[in-house]
């Protein structure tokens, strides 16, 4: 009977350990997702904020293919006139 109590105690400790591990893993994944989201927001504000781009020379930057995005003043069609 005492052996059953000990084995149940071990099982409870293992279950508690697993729940703690899952909780820590969940917090880690959530922090990684938030970091990724903040990095993407920063990149959308300033595409040149990437460290690789900051270390490039002007000649190297000039060779990169960038698509032109219309500014807010130009509107969606890039005509320069807002409707």
Protein backbone atom coordinates (compact mmCIF):
# COMPACT_ATOMS: atom_id res chain seq x y z
CA UNK A 1 0.00 0.00 0.00
CA UNK A 2 2.86 2.35 0.81
CA UNK A 3 4.42 1.56 -2.59
CA UNK A 4 1.22 2.71 -4.35
CA UNK A 5 1.30 6.00 -2.45
CA UNK A 6 4.93 6.55 -3.42
CA UNK A 7 4.32 5.75 -7.08
CA UNK A 8 1.28 8.07 -7.13
CA UNK A 9 3.43 10.82 -5.59
CA UNK A 10 6.06 10.31 -8.31
CA UNK A 11 3.38 10.47 -11.02
CA UNK A 12 2.02 13.72 -9.57
CA UNK A 13 5.54 15.21 -9.50
CA UNK A 14 6.13 14.15 -13.11
CA UNK A 15 2.78 15.62 -14.22
CA UNK A 16 3.54 18.88 -12.41
CA UNK A 17 6.97 18.99 -14.04
CA UNK A 18 5.45 18.47 -17.48
CA UNK A 19 2.88 21.23 -16.91
CA UNK A 20 5.66 23.61 -15.84
CA UNK A 21 7.67 22.69 -18.93
CA UNK A 22 4.68 23.25 -21.22
CA UNK A 23 3.95 26.58 -19.53
CA UNK A 24 7.56 27.76 -20.02
CA UNK A 25 7.54 26.58 -23.63
CA UNK A 26 4.29 28.46 -24.26
CA UNK A 27 5.77 31.68 -22.84
CA UNK A 28 8.91 31.25 -24.95
CA UNK A 29 6.96 30.71 -28.17
CA UNK A 30 4.71 33.69 -27.42
CA UNK A 31 7.74 35.94 -26.84
CA UNK A 32 9.29 34.77 -30.13
CA UNK A 33 6.09 35.56 -32.02
CA UNK A 34 5.89 39.03 -30.44
CA UNK A 35 9.56 39.69 -31.30
CA UNK A 36 8.92 38.66 -34.90
CA UNK A 37 5.86 40.91 -35.12
CA UNK A 38 7.74 43.92 -33.77
CA UNK A 39 10.62 43.26 -36.19
CA UNK A 40 8.18 43.14 -39.13
CA UNK A 41 6.53 46.40 -38.03
CA UNK A 42 9.95 48.07 -37.81
CA UNK A 43 10.90 46.76 -41.25
CA UNK A 44 7.67 48.10 -42.77
CA UNK A 45 8.42 51.53 -41.30
CA UNK A 46 12.07 51.49 -42.39
CA UNK A 47 13.15 48.84 -44.93
CA UNK A 48 16.78 49.94 -44.47
CA UNK A 49 16.78 49.01 -40.77
CA UNK A 50 18.05 45.49 -41.49
CA UNK A 51 21.64 45.03 -40.24
CA UNK A 52 22.74 43.49 -43.54
CA UNK A 53 21.59 46.57 -45.41
CA UNK A 54 23.18 48.94 -42.93
CA UNK A 55 26.56 47.29 -43.56
CA UNK A 56 26.34 47.60 -47.37
CA UNK A 57 28.05 50.29 -49.41
CA UNK A 58 26.04 52.73 -51.51
CA UNK A 59 27.04 50.84 -54.65
CA UNK A 60 25.75 47.57 -53.20
CA UNK A 61 22.50 49.24 -52.13
CA UNK A 62 22.07 50.71 -55.61
CA UNK A 63 22.12 47.22 -57.10
CA UNK A 64 19.23 45.96 -54.93
CA UNK A 65 15.84 45.61 -56.61
CA UNK A 66 13.30 47.66 -54.66
CA UNK A 67 9.66 47.93 -55.62
CA UNK A 68 8.29 51.42 -55.29
CA UNK A 69 5.37 51.71 -52.89
CA UNK A 70 3.07 54.70 -53.30
CA UNK A 71 3.26 57.21 -50.48
CA UNK A 72 0.18 58.19 -48.52
CA UNK A 73 -0.02 61.50 -50.38
CA UNK A 74 -0.06 59.75 -53.75
CA UNK A 75 -2.91 57.45 -52.85
CA UNK A 76 -3.29 53.89 -54.07
CA UNK A 77 -2.82 54.58 -57.76
CA UNK A 78 0.34 56.67 -57.46
CA UNK A 79 -1.19 59.54 -59.44
CA UNK A 80 -0.23 62.24 -56.93
CA UNK A 81 -3.86 63.34 -56.70
CA UNK A 82 -6.13 62.16 -53.90
CA UNK A 83 -9.79 61.66 -54.66
